[in-house]
N, C-alpha and C. Protein backbone atom coordinates (compact mmCIF):
# COMPACT_ATOMS: atom_id res chain seq x y z
N MET A 1 121.41 105.24 127.57
CA MET A 1 121.25 104.59 129.05
C MET A 1 121.34 102.91 128.96
N LYS A 2 122.21 102.48 129.57
CA LYS A 2 122.65 101.13 129.70
C LYS A 2 121.90 100.54 130.80
N ILE A 3 120.93 99.41 130.73
CA ILE A 3 120.07 98.50 131.46
C ILE A 3 121.20 97.72 132.10
N ILE A 4 121.19 97.51 133.52
CA ILE A 4 122.06 96.64 134.40
C ILE A 4 120.71 96.11 135.14
N ILE A 5 120.24 94.60 135.09
CA ILE A 5 119.42 93.99 135.86
C ILE A 5 119.91 93.10 136.46
N SER A 6 119.41 92.64 138.00
CA SER A 6 119.80 91.40 138.71
C SER A 6 119.64 90.02 137.83
N GLU A 7 119.88 88.86 138.55
CA GLU A 7 119.47 87.39 137.70
C GLU A 7 117.84 87.30 138.01
N ARG A 8 117.72 87.71 139.55
CA ARG A 8 116.49 87.83 139.77
C ARG A 8 115.37 88.48 138.87
N GLN A 9 115.69 89.56 138.34
CA GLN A 9 114.78 90.42 137.77
C GLN A 9 115.00 89.98 136.40
N GLN A 10 115.82 89.24 136.00
CA GLN A 10 116.14 88.51 134.31
C GLN A 10 114.90 87.31 134.44
N LYS A 11 114.88 86.71 135.74
CA LYS A 11 114.10 85.33 135.93
C LYS A 11 112.56 85.93 135.72
N LEU A 12 112.15 87.05 136.66
CA LEU A 12 111.20 87.47 136.67
C LEU A 12 110.31 87.86 135.18
N LEU A 13 111.40 88.71 134.32
CA LEU A 13 111.06 88.97 132.98
C LEU A 13 110.71 87.69 132.04
N THR A 14 111.84 86.72 132.11
CA THR A 14 111.82 85.65 131.09
C THR A 14 110.62 84.38 131.67
N GLU A 15 110.34 84.49 132.81
CA GLU A 15 109.23 83.80 133.04
C GLU A 15 108.01 83.99 132.47
N ARG A 16 107.63 83.53 131.38
CA ARG A 16 106.37 83.89 130.56
C ARG A 16 106.15 85.48 130.32
N PHE A 17 107.12 86.20 130.54
CA PHE A 17 106.66 87.95 130.56
C PHE A 17 105.42 87.91 131.03
N SER A 18 105.18 87.59 132.03
CA SER A 18 103.70 88.29 132.61
C SER A 18 103.51 89.42 132.52
N GLU A 19 102.22 90.05 131.85
CA GLU A 19 102.26 91.43 131.84
C GLU A 19 102.76 92.46 132.68
N GLU A 20 102.55 92.10 133.64
CA GLU A 20 102.55 92.77 135.12
C GLU A 20 104.08 92.91 135.36
N ASN A 21 104.81 92.05 135.01
CA ASN A 21 106.32 91.92 135.16
C ASN A 21 106.67 92.83 134.20
N LEU A 22 106.56 92.65 132.93
CA LEU A 22 106.91 93.39 131.74
C LEU A 22 106.57 94.82 131.96
N ARG A 23 105.50 95.05 132.62
CA ARG A 23 105.11 96.51 132.43
C ARG A 23 105.54 97.32 133.75
N LYS A 24 105.86 96.57 134.75
CA LYS A 24 106.75 97.15 136.19
C LYS A 24 108.05 97.35 135.59
N PHE A 25 108.73 96.53 134.52
CA PHE A 25 110.44 96.57 134.44
C PHE A 25 110.18 97.56 133.15
N LEU A 26 109.17 98.17 132.09
CA LEU A 26 108.78 99.12 131.27
C LEU A 26 109.07 100.48 131.98
N TYR A 27 107.99 100.40 132.84
CA TYR A 27 107.58 101.85 133.66
C TYR A 27 109.06 101.87 134.22
N SER A 28 109.73 101.20 135.04
CA SER A 28 110.96 101.50 135.81
C SER A 28 111.80 102.05 134.89
N PHE A 29 112.10 101.42 133.81
CA PHE A 29 113.02 101.65 132.61
C PHE A 29 112.91 103.58 132.27
N TRP A 30 111.56 103.59 131.80
CA TRP A 30 111.17 104.87 131.16
C TRP A 30 111.17 105.93 132.27
N ASN A 31 110.61 105.53 133.67
CA ASN A 31 110.87 106.56 134.64
C ASN A 31 112.47 107.06 134.62
N SER A 32 113.43 105.84 134.54
CA SER A 32 114.73 106.09 134.80
C SER A 32 115.22 107.03 133.81
N GLN A 33 114.78 106.88 132.16
CA GLN A 33 115.16 107.61 131.17
C GLN A 33 114.77 109.39 131.81
N LYS A 34 113.68 109.32 132.38
CA LYS A 34 113.13 110.95 132.76
C LYS A 34 114.32 111.28 133.80
N LYS A 35 114.65 110.63 134.91
CA LYS A 35 115.39 110.88 136.05
C LYS A 35 116.64 111.51 135.52
N GLU A 36 117.03 110.77 134.15
CA GLU A 36 118.64 110.84 133.74
C GLU A 36 118.49 112.16 132.67
N GLY A 37 117.13 112.77 132.37
CA GLY A 37 117.08 113.86 131.72
C GLY A 37 116.68 113.58 130.08
N GLU A 38 116.38 112.41 129.70
CA GLU A 38 115.99 111.78 128.55
C GLU A 38 114.51 112.17 128.60
N THR A 39 114.03 112.16 127.27
CA THR A 39 112.69 111.91 126.81
C THR A 39 112.84 110.37 127.06
N PRO A 40 111.46 109.66 127.53
CA PRO A 40 111.47 108.39 127.62
C PRO A 40 110.89 107.97 126.02
N HIS A 41 111.59 106.78 125.39
CA HIS A 41 111.51 106.25 124.16
C HIS A 41 111.57 104.88 124.35
N LEU A 42 111.60 104.04 122.87
CA LEU A 42 111.68 102.68 123.04
C LEU A 42 112.90 102.13 122.66
N SER A 43 113.78 102.12 123.53
CA SER A 43 115.37 102.12 123.46
C SER A 43 115.46 100.42 122.83
N GLU A 44 116.24 100.47 121.97
CA GLU A 44 117.04 99.24 121.67
C GLU A 44 117.34 98.27 122.78
N ASP A 45 118.13 98.88 124.26
CA ASP A 45 118.19 97.91 125.22
C ASP A 45 116.91 97.28 125.74
N ILE A 46 115.92 98.00 125.59
CA ILE A 46 114.54 97.18 126.04
C ILE A 46 114.33 96.08 125.19
N TYR A 47 114.42 95.83 124.14
CA TYR A 47 114.17 94.92 123.25
C TYR A 47 115.50 93.52 123.55
N ASP A 48 116.70 94.33 123.73
CA ASP A 48 117.33 93.06 123.97
C ASP A 48 117.31 92.37 125.32
N VAL A 49 116.95 93.15 126.04
CA VAL A 49 116.67 92.38 127.63
C VAL A 49 115.42 91.72 127.35
N VAL A 50 114.41 91.86 126.66
CA VAL A 50 113.06 91.21 126.69
C VAL A 50 112.99 90.10 126.17
N GLY A 51 113.93 90.06 124.93
CA GLY A 51 114.11 89.21 123.69
C GLY A 51 113.21 89.18 122.59
N ILE A 52 112.37 90.46 122.35
CA ILE A 52 111.62 90.72 121.38
C ILE A 52 112.33 91.45 120.22
N GLU A 53 112.01 91.23 118.93
CA GLU A 53 112.81 91.81 118.08
C GLU A 53 111.84 93.28 118.02
N LYS A 54 112.44 94.45 117.85
CA LYS A 54 111.43 95.61 117.49
C LYS A 54 110.91 95.68 116.16
N ASN A 55 109.83 96.59 116.23
CA ASN A 55 108.79 96.31 114.97
C ASN A 55 108.57 94.91 114.50
N THR A 56 108.01 94.42 115.04
CA THR A 56 107.83 93.01 114.61
C THR A 56 106.24 92.97 115.52
N PRO A 57 105.24 92.16 114.89
CA PRO A 57 103.91 91.78 115.41
C PRO A 57 103.70 91.46 117.09
N GLU A 58 105.07 90.97 117.59
CA GLU A 58 105.41 90.57 119.10
C GLU A 58 105.61 91.67 119.68
N ASP A 59 106.31 92.45 119.04
CA ASP A 59 106.76 94.08 119.80
C ASP A 59 105.26 94.72 119.83
N PHE A 60 104.38 94.75 118.65
CA PHE A 60 103.35 95.63 118.82
C PHE A 60 102.29 95.19 119.53
N ARG A 61 102.09 93.66 119.91
CA ARG A 61 101.36 93.38 120.52
C ARG A 61 101.47 93.34 122.13
N THR A 62 102.75 93.46 122.33
CA THR A 62 103.61 93.36 123.79
C THR A 62 103.92 94.66 124.31
N ILE A 63 104.98 95.08 123.72
CA ILE A 63 105.58 96.19 124.39
C ILE A 63 104.80 97.29 124.22
N ARG A 64 104.07 97.52 122.73
CA ARG A 64 103.52 98.93 122.16
C ARG A 64 102.11 99.13 122.99
N PRO A 65 101.71 98.25 123.58
CA PRO A 65 100.44 98.73 124.49
C PRO A 65 100.58 99.27 125.75
N ILE A 66 101.81 98.65 126.28
CA ILE A 66 102.35 99.09 127.51
C ILE A 66 102.84 100.54 127.19
N TRP A 67 103.43 100.80 126.27
CA TRP A 67 104.10 102.17 125.63
C TRP A 67 102.78 103.22 125.83
N TYR A 68 101.97 102.54 125.16
CA TYR A 68 100.68 103.45 125.10
C TYR A 68 100.44 104.09 126.39
N ARG A 69 100.03 102.74 127.13
CA ARG A 69 99.48 103.19 128.56
C ARG A 69 100.49 104.32 129.36
N TYR A 70 101.75 103.85 129.16
CA TYR A 70 102.45 105.01 129.87
C TYR A 70 102.32 106.06 129.43
N ASN A 71 101.98 106.60 128.24
CA ASN A 71 101.97 107.75 127.38
C ASN A 71 100.73 108.54 127.34
N GLY A 72 99.76 107.76 128.12
CA GLY A 72 98.23 108.45 127.96
C GLY A 72 97.22 107.81 127.63
N GLY A 73 97.61 106.89 126.69
CA GLY A 73 96.79 106.15 125.67
C GLY A 73 97.31 106.33 124.02
N PHE A 74 96.95 105.73 123.40
CA PHE A 74 97.01 105.38 121.94
C PHE A 74 96.50 106.44 121.71
N LYS A 75 95.44 106.99 121.83
CA LYS A 75 94.66 108.30 121.24
C LYS A 75 95.58 109.51 121.43
N ASN A 76 96.16 109.79 122.74
CA ASN A 76 96.98 110.80 123.01
C ASN A 76 98.19 110.97 122.27
N LEU A 77 98.86 109.85 122.01
CA LEU A 77 100.03 109.57 121.10
C LEU A 77 99.75 110.14 119.73
N PHE A 78 98.64 109.60 119.24
CA PHE A 78 98.09 109.57 117.84
C PHE A 78 97.80 111.23 117.75
N GLU A 79 96.95 111.83 118.63
CA GLU A 79 96.61 113.23 118.43
C GLU A 79 98.22 114.00 118.28
N LYS A 80 99.27 113.60 119.13
CA LYS A 80 100.36 114.63 119.20
C LYS A 80 101.05 114.20 117.82
N LEU A 81 100.95 112.99 117.17
CA LEU A 81 101.60 112.74 115.97
C LEU A 81 100.88 113.43 114.89
N SER A 82 99.46 113.67 114.85
CA SER A 82 98.74 114.24 113.68
C SER A 82 99.19 115.42 113.98
N GLU A 83 99.15 116.46 115.09
CA GLU A 83 99.37 117.68 115.26
C GLU A 83 100.66 117.67 114.63
N GLU A 84 101.61 117.12 114.92
CA GLU A 84 102.99 117.48 114.06
C GLU A 84 103.07 117.25 112.25
N VAL A 85 102.02 116.64 111.79
CA VAL A 85 102.25 116.52 110.34
C VAL A 85 101.11 116.53 109.61
N LEU A 86 99.96 116.59 110.24
CA LEU A 86 98.73 116.66 109.38
C LEU A 86 98.66 117.92 108.87
N ASP A 87 98.48 117.76 107.44
CA ASP A 87 98.38 119.03 106.62
C ASP A 87 99.47 120.03 106.40
N LYS A 88 100.80 119.46 106.87
CA LYS A 88 101.98 119.97 106.86
C LYS A 88 102.94 119.69 105.76
N THR A 89 103.54 120.24 104.94
CA THR A 89 104.57 120.04 103.56
C THR A 89 105.72 120.03 104.62
N PHE A 90 106.58 118.82 103.90
CA PHE A 90 107.95 118.45 104.14
C PHE A 90 108.98 118.65 103.05
N ARG A 91 109.98 119.01 103.28
CA ARG A 91 111.29 118.93 102.06
C ARG A 91 111.81 117.37 102.32
N LEU A 92 111.63 116.73 101.16
CA LEU A 92 112.54 115.18 101.43
C LEU A 92 113.51 115.26 100.20
N VAL A 93 114.93 115.08 100.73
CA VAL A 93 116.19 115.07 99.80
C VAL A 93 116.63 113.83 100.17
N VAL A 94 116.85 113.34 99.18
CA VAL A 94 117.73 111.89 99.21
C VAL A 94 118.97 111.86 98.33
N PRO A 95 120.13 112.32 98.17
CA PRO A 95 121.25 112.57 97.74
C PRO A 95 121.66 111.59 97.04
N GLU A 96 121.37 110.33 97.27
CA GLU A 96 121.79 108.97 96.53
C GLU A 96 121.10 109.16 95.09
N ILE A 97 120.01 109.55 95.34
CA ILE A 97 118.90 109.28 93.86
C ILE A 97 118.56 110.70 93.17
N ASP A 98 119.52 111.73 93.99
CA ASP A 98 118.96 113.14 93.67
C ASP A 98 117.18 113.26 93.39
N LEU A 99 117.13 113.00 94.51
CA LEU A 99 115.60 113.25 94.97
C LEU A 99 115.51 114.55 95.86
N ASP A 100 114.81 115.39 95.50
CA ASP A 100 114.21 116.94 96.21
C ASP A 100 112.99 116.87 95.81
N THR A 101 111.92 117.14 96.79
CA THR A 101 110.95 117.41 96.49
C THR A 101 110.00 117.76 97.56
N ARG A 102 108.96 117.82 97.62
CA ARG A 102 107.89 118.41 98.90
C ARG A 102 106.88 117.28 99.09
N VAL A 103 106.66 116.82 100.58
CA VAL A 103 105.61 115.90 100.71
C VAL A 103 104.69 116.78 101.40
N ARG A 104 103.51 116.47 101.31
CA ARG A 104 102.29 117.13 102.17
C ARG A 104 101.76 115.88 102.63
N VAL A 105 101.49 115.84 103.98
CA VAL A 105 100.62 114.70 104.65
C VAL A 105 99.04 115.38 104.52
N VAL A 106 98.29 114.35 103.69
CA VAL A 106 96.92 115.13 103.40
C VAL A 106 96.15 114.02 104.41
N ASP A 107 96.33 113.16 104.76
CA ASP A 107 95.34 112.39 105.86
C ASP A 107 96.01 111.22 106.71
N ILE A 108 95.47 111.27 107.65
CA ILE A 108 96.08 110.13 108.68
C ILE A 108 94.97 109.10 109.09
N ASP A 109 95.21 108.06 108.85
CA ASP A 109 94.15 106.89 109.31
C ASP A 109 94.45 106.11 110.07
N PRO A 110 94.13 105.65 111.33
CA PRO A 110 94.59 105.02 112.33
C PRO A 110 93.76 103.56 111.97
N ILE A 111 94.42 102.75 111.78
CA ILE A 111 93.87 101.45 111.36
C ILE A 111 94.43 100.30 112.13
N THR A 112 93.52 99.21 112.18
CA THR A 112 94.08 98.01 113.19
C THR A 112 94.40 96.85 112.22
N MET A 113 94.94 96.44 112.47
CA MET A 113 95.63 94.96 111.81
C MET A 113 94.83 94.00 112.18
N GLY A 114 93.87 93.63 111.50
CA GLY A 114 92.88 92.43 111.53
C GLY A 114 93.64 91.19 112.68
N GLY A 115 94.37 90.19 111.76
CA GLY A 115 94.77 89.07 112.19
C GLY A 115 95.53 89.50 113.37
N TYR A 116 96.54 90.56 113.11
CA TYR A 116 97.77 90.74 114.47
C TYR A 116 97.20 91.56 115.66
N LYS A 117 95.76 92.23 115.64
CA LYS A 117 95.50 92.80 116.44
C LYS A 117 96.38 94.10 117.39
N TYR A 118 97.04 94.63 116.20
CA TYR A 118 97.62 96.02 117.10
C TYR A 118 97.53 97.24 115.92
N ASP A 119 97.65 98.42 116.39
CA ASP A 119 97.40 99.87 115.43
C ASP A 119 98.20 100.37 114.52
N VAL A 120 98.25 100.54 113.62
CA VAL A 120 99.07 100.98 112.80
C VAL A 120 98.33 102.54 112.16
N VAL A 121 99.34 103.52 111.93
CA VAL A 121 98.63 104.80 111.78
C VAL A 121 99.27 104.90 109.93
N ASP A 122 98.13 105.01 109.03
CA ASP A 122 98.70 105.13 107.81
C ASP A 122 98.80 106.67 107.40
N LEU A 123 99.68 107.28 106.94
CA LEU A 123 99.92 108.05 106.29
C LEU A 123 99.62 108.59 104.93
N ILE A 124 98.81 109.25 104.42
CA ILE A 124 98.33 109.59 103.18
C ILE A 124 99.13 110.87 102.58
N CYS A 125 100.25 110.73 101.49
CA CYS A 125 100.85 111.95 101.67
C CYS A 125 101.14 111.97 99.96
N ASP A 126 100.93 113.38 99.09
CA ASP A 126 100.77 113.71 98.35
C ASP A 126 102.34 114.37 98.03
N VAL A 127 102.99 114.02 96.86
CA VAL A 127 104.66 114.27 96.54
C VAL A 127 104.59 114.90 95.73
N ASP A 128 104.93 116.47 95.68
CA ASP A 128 104.97 117.17 94.03
C ASP A 128 106.06 116.41 93.08
N ASN A 129 105.48 116.54 92.23
CA ASN A 129 105.88 115.52 90.96
C ASN A 129 106.74 116.46 90.24
N GLN A 130 106.95 117.93 90.51
CA GLN A 130 107.72 119.00 89.94
C GLN A 130 109.02 118.80 90.64
N GLY A 131 109.15 118.01 91.62
CA GLY A 131 110.54 117.87 92.50
C GLY A 131 111.25 117.08 91.43
N THR A 132 112.37 116.80 92.04
CA THR A 132 113.76 116.22 90.93
C THR A 132 114.06 114.77 91.51
N ILE A 133 114.50 113.96 90.59
CA ILE A 133 114.98 112.87 90.97
C ILE A 133 115.84 112.06 89.58
N MET A 134 116.77 111.29 89.83
CA MET A 134 117.91 110.81 89.02
C MET A 134 117.03 109.66 88.19
N PHE A 135 116.93 109.20 87.19
CA PHE A 135 116.30 108.12 86.51
C PHE A 135 117.19 107.96 84.97
N ASN A 136 117.23 106.50 84.55
CA ASN A 136 117.32 106.40 83.25
C ASN A 136 116.49 106.67 82.25
N MET A 137 116.90 107.01 80.86
CA MET A 137 115.90 107.03 80.05
C MET A 137 116.45 106.91 78.51
N TYR A 138 116.02 106.57 77.56
CA TYR A 138 116.36 106.43 76.26
C TYR A 138 116.45 107.73 75.68
N ASN A 139 117.68 108.55 75.18
CA ASN A 139 117.87 109.45 73.87
C ASN A 139 117.23 109.14 72.92
N ASP A 140 117.84 110.42 72.13
CA ASP A 140 117.21 109.96 70.62
C ASP A 140 117.70 108.86 69.65
N GLU A 141 119.33 108.79 70.35
CA GLU A 141 120.01 107.74 69.40
C GLU A 141 119.53 106.03 70.18
N ASP A 142 118.45 106.07 70.96
CA ASP A 142 117.93 105.15 71.41
C ASP A 142 119.33 104.31 72.16
N GLU A 143 120.05 105.11 73.30
CA GLU A 143 121.24 104.94 74.21
C GLU A 143 120.16 105.58 75.30
N GLU A 144 120.54 104.59 76.52
CA GLU A 144 120.39 104.65 77.66
C GLU A 144 121.28 105.45 78.53
N VAL A 145 120.55 106.90 79.01
CA VAL A 145 121.34 107.57 79.82
C VAL A 145 120.79 107.93 81.11
N MET A 146 121.26 108.16 82.11
CA MET A 146 121.13 108.80 83.26
C MET A 146 120.96 110.32 83.38
N VAL A 147 119.80 110.80 83.62
CA VAL A 147 119.18 112.09 83.82
C VAL A 147 118.67 112.47 85.10
N ILE A 148 118.82 113.80 85.52
CA ILE A 148 118.12 114.41 86.65
C ILE A 148 116.95 115.03 85.99
N ASP A 149 115.76 114.84 86.31
CA ASP A 149 114.50 115.52 85.91
C ASP A 149 113.24 115.64 86.90
N THR A 150 112.35 115.93 86.50
CA THR A 150 110.90 115.89 87.15
C THR A 150 110.81 114.68 87.59
N ILE A 151 110.10 114.88 88.47
CA ILE A 151 109.41 113.22 89.04
C ILE A 151 108.53 112.92 88.07
N GLU A 152 107.72 113.76 87.45
CA GLU A 152 106.88 113.63 86.62
C GLU A 152 107.28 112.99 85.29
N ALA A 153 108.31 113.63 84.71
CA ALA A 153 108.98 113.33 83.66
C ALA A 153 109.52 111.69 84.26
N ALA A 154 110.26 111.44 85.12
CA ALA A 154 110.64 109.87 85.41
C ALA A 154 109.19 109.09 85.40
N TYR A 155 108.10 109.49 86.02
CA TYR A 155 106.83 108.87 85.81
C TYR A 155 106.56 108.11 84.31
N PHE A 156 106.70 109.48 83.37
CA PHE A 156 106.20 109.03 81.98
C PHE A 156 107.50 108.42 81.34
N GLU A 157 108.46 108.26 81.88
CA GLU A 157 109.51 107.31 81.30
C GLU A 157 109.23 105.85 81.82
N ALA A 158 108.59 106.01 82.85
CA ALA A 158 108.37 104.62 83.46
C ALA A 158 107.13 104.05 82.62
N LEU A 159 106.39 105.00 82.91
CA LEU A 159 105.08 104.46 82.24
C LEU A 159 105.43 103.87 80.71
N SER A 160 106.16 104.30 79.72
CA SER A 160 106.69 103.85 78.78
C SER A 160 107.43 102.60 79.02
N ALA A 161 107.87 102.23 79.86
CA ALA A 161 108.28 101.04 79.89
C ALA A 161 107.67 99.91 81.12
N TYR A 162 106.55 100.37 81.42
CA TYR A 162 105.40 99.73 82.22
C TYR A 162 106.47 99.28 83.27
N GLU A 163 106.88 100.31 83.77
CA GLU A 163 107.60 100.41 85.19
C GLU A 163 107.26 101.34 86.60
N THR A 164 105.93 101.70 86.29
CA THR A 164 105.45 102.87 87.10
C THR A 164 105.45 102.44 88.57
N GLY A 165 105.41 100.87 88.82
CA GLY A 165 105.40 100.51 90.09
C GLY A 165 107.16 100.55 90.73
N ASP A 166 107.91 100.37 90.03
CA ASP A 166 109.13 100.78 90.70
C ASP A 166 109.37 102.04 91.09
N LEU A 167 108.91 102.87 90.26
CA LEU A 167 109.01 104.17 90.94
C LEU A 167 108.28 104.89 91.60
N THR A 168 107.13 104.49 92.03
CA THR A 168 106.38 105.13 93.20
C THR A 168 106.93 103.78 94.16
N GLU A 169 107.17 102.80 94.25
CA GLU A 169 107.71 101.97 95.49
C GLU A 169 108.96 102.70 96.15
N ALA A 170 109.92 102.99 94.86
CA ALA A 170 110.99 103.61 95.67
C ALA A 170 110.46 104.97 96.22
N ILE A 171 109.85 106.03 95.43
CA ILE A 171 109.57 107.01 96.04
C ILE A 171 108.95 106.86 97.84
N ASN A 172 108.07 105.74 97.69
CA ASN A 172 107.12 105.36 98.85
C ASN A 172 108.10 105.22 100.23
N TYR A 173 109.33 104.25 99.52
CA TYR A 173 110.09 103.67 100.48
C TYR A 173 111.07 104.91 101.12
N HIS A 174 111.17 106.11 100.36
CA HIS A 174 112.11 107.10 100.65
C HIS A 174 110.92 108.13 101.69
N VAL A 175 109.62 108.21 101.14
CA VAL A 175 109.22 108.90 102.24
C VAL A 175 108.67 108.27 103.64
N TYR A 176 108.41 106.83 103.50
CA TYR A 176 108.30 106.16 104.68
C TYR A 176 109.68 106.21 105.62
N GLU A 177 110.88 106.21 104.92
CA GLU A 177 112.01 106.50 105.94
C GLU A 177 111.70 107.78 106.54
N TYR A 178 111.54 108.61 105.93
CA TYR A 178 111.69 110.10 106.15
C TYR A 178 110.61 109.96 107.87
N PHE A 179 109.47 109.94 107.38
CA PHE A 179 108.19 109.76 108.69
C PHE A 179 109.10 108.80 109.63
N TYR A 180 109.46 107.81 109.50
CA TYR A 180 109.75 106.89 110.26
C TYR A 180 110.63 107.42 111.69
N LYS A 181 111.31 108.16 110.54
CA LYS A 181 112.42 108.65 111.64
C LYS A 181 112.31 109.93 112.35
N LEU A 182 111.34 110.78 111.64
CA LEU A 182 110.50 111.76 112.35
C LEU A 182 109.75 111.47 113.64
N LEU A 183 108.91 110.33 113.39
CA LEU A 183 107.76 110.01 114.05
C LEU A 183 107.79 108.86 115.24
N GLU A 184 109.07 108.37 115.01
CA GLU A 184 109.40 107.43 115.73
C GLU A 184 109.59 107.81 117.44
N LYS A 185 109.55 108.60 117.91
CA LYS A 185 109.48 109.08 119.19
C LYS A 185 108.16 109.01 119.69
N TYR A 186 107.11 108.71 119.16
CA TYR A 186 105.58 108.55 119.45
C TYR A 186 105.68 106.87 119.72
N GLY A 187 106.35 106.11 119.18
CA GLY A 187 105.98 104.69 119.26
C GLY A 187 104.98 104.10 119.02
N ILE A 188 104.41 104.81 117.26
CA ILE A 188 103.21 104.20 117.01
C ILE A 188 103.64 103.68 115.41
N PRO A 189 103.52 102.51 114.94
CA PRO A 189 103.79 101.79 113.51
C PRO A 189 102.99 102.54 112.74
N ILE A 190 103.77 103.07 111.75
CA ILE A 190 103.35 103.95 110.88
C ILE A 190 103.41 102.89 109.12
N ASP A 191 102.44 103.28 108.23
CA ASP A 191 102.77 102.55 106.90
C ASP A 191 102.18 104.34 106.26
N VAL A 192 103.17 104.12 104.84
CA VAL A 192 102.55 105.45 104.14
C VAL A 192 102.19 105.02 102.70
N GLU A 193 101.24 106.02 102.30
CA GLU A 193 100.68 105.70 100.81
C GLU A 193 100.91 107.16 100.03
N VAL A 194 101.43 106.97 98.85
CA VAL A 194 101.96 108.50 98.43
C VAL A 194 101.13 108.43 96.97
N ASP A 195 100.89 109.63 96.61
CA ASP A 195 100.53 110.19 95.33
C ASP A 195 101.23 111.01 94.58
N LEU A 196 101.53 110.94 93.44
CA LEU A 196 102.25 112.15 92.85
C LEU A 196 101.48 113.21 92.32
N GLU A 197 101.56 114.40 92.70
CA GLU A 197 100.71 115.74 92.76
C GLU A 197 101.51 116.52 92.06
N ASN A 198 100.85 117.54 91.39
CA ASN A 198 101.52 118.90 90.88
C ASN A 198 100.93 119.65 91.83
N PHE A 199 101.78 120.28 93.10
CA PHE A 199 101.52 121.42 94.05
C PHE A 199 101.53 122.47 93.21
N ASP A 200 100.36 123.31 94.06
CA ASP A 200 100.19 124.42 93.79
C ASP A 200 101.12 125.49 93.91
């Protein structure tokens, strides 16, 4: 959906973005999405018009609270998000690094970022360490070779080189990307913490 607004509307928005002006604009935008058969969402067009960058503390303090109110409150969105992922297992496939594993969301914690005063949902995830990933290791001739093996094998290889942080950060990044795309519709900022586990 393309946004077309008059100079007067632009002036109203840019005059210190009073919360009431911003709320009226955003509600009108989301109601228009509904009328056009779209599910209301945090469109990039909104951020272009108001001049706030998406997924920044300013967004989380100004636009997101209005989004929560529009959708029945943070608690309502949090419950829907939890229902979609908590205690469920998802397949994570990242062809670029031959990552193919399962991820289970074992806990979800809503936290408030103290200094910033905005809400974030922390997803606690177990990653099946019997899934596969591509990594470098040294063979018997002390030559570095690229292999595809279990995440557990990659972890032990990284442990021998004191680089376990790199491996877990890489997996954490891909788990975050997966859930960011899946849960973006709720408009709640997320964070992810992963543990490498052997699934039953």
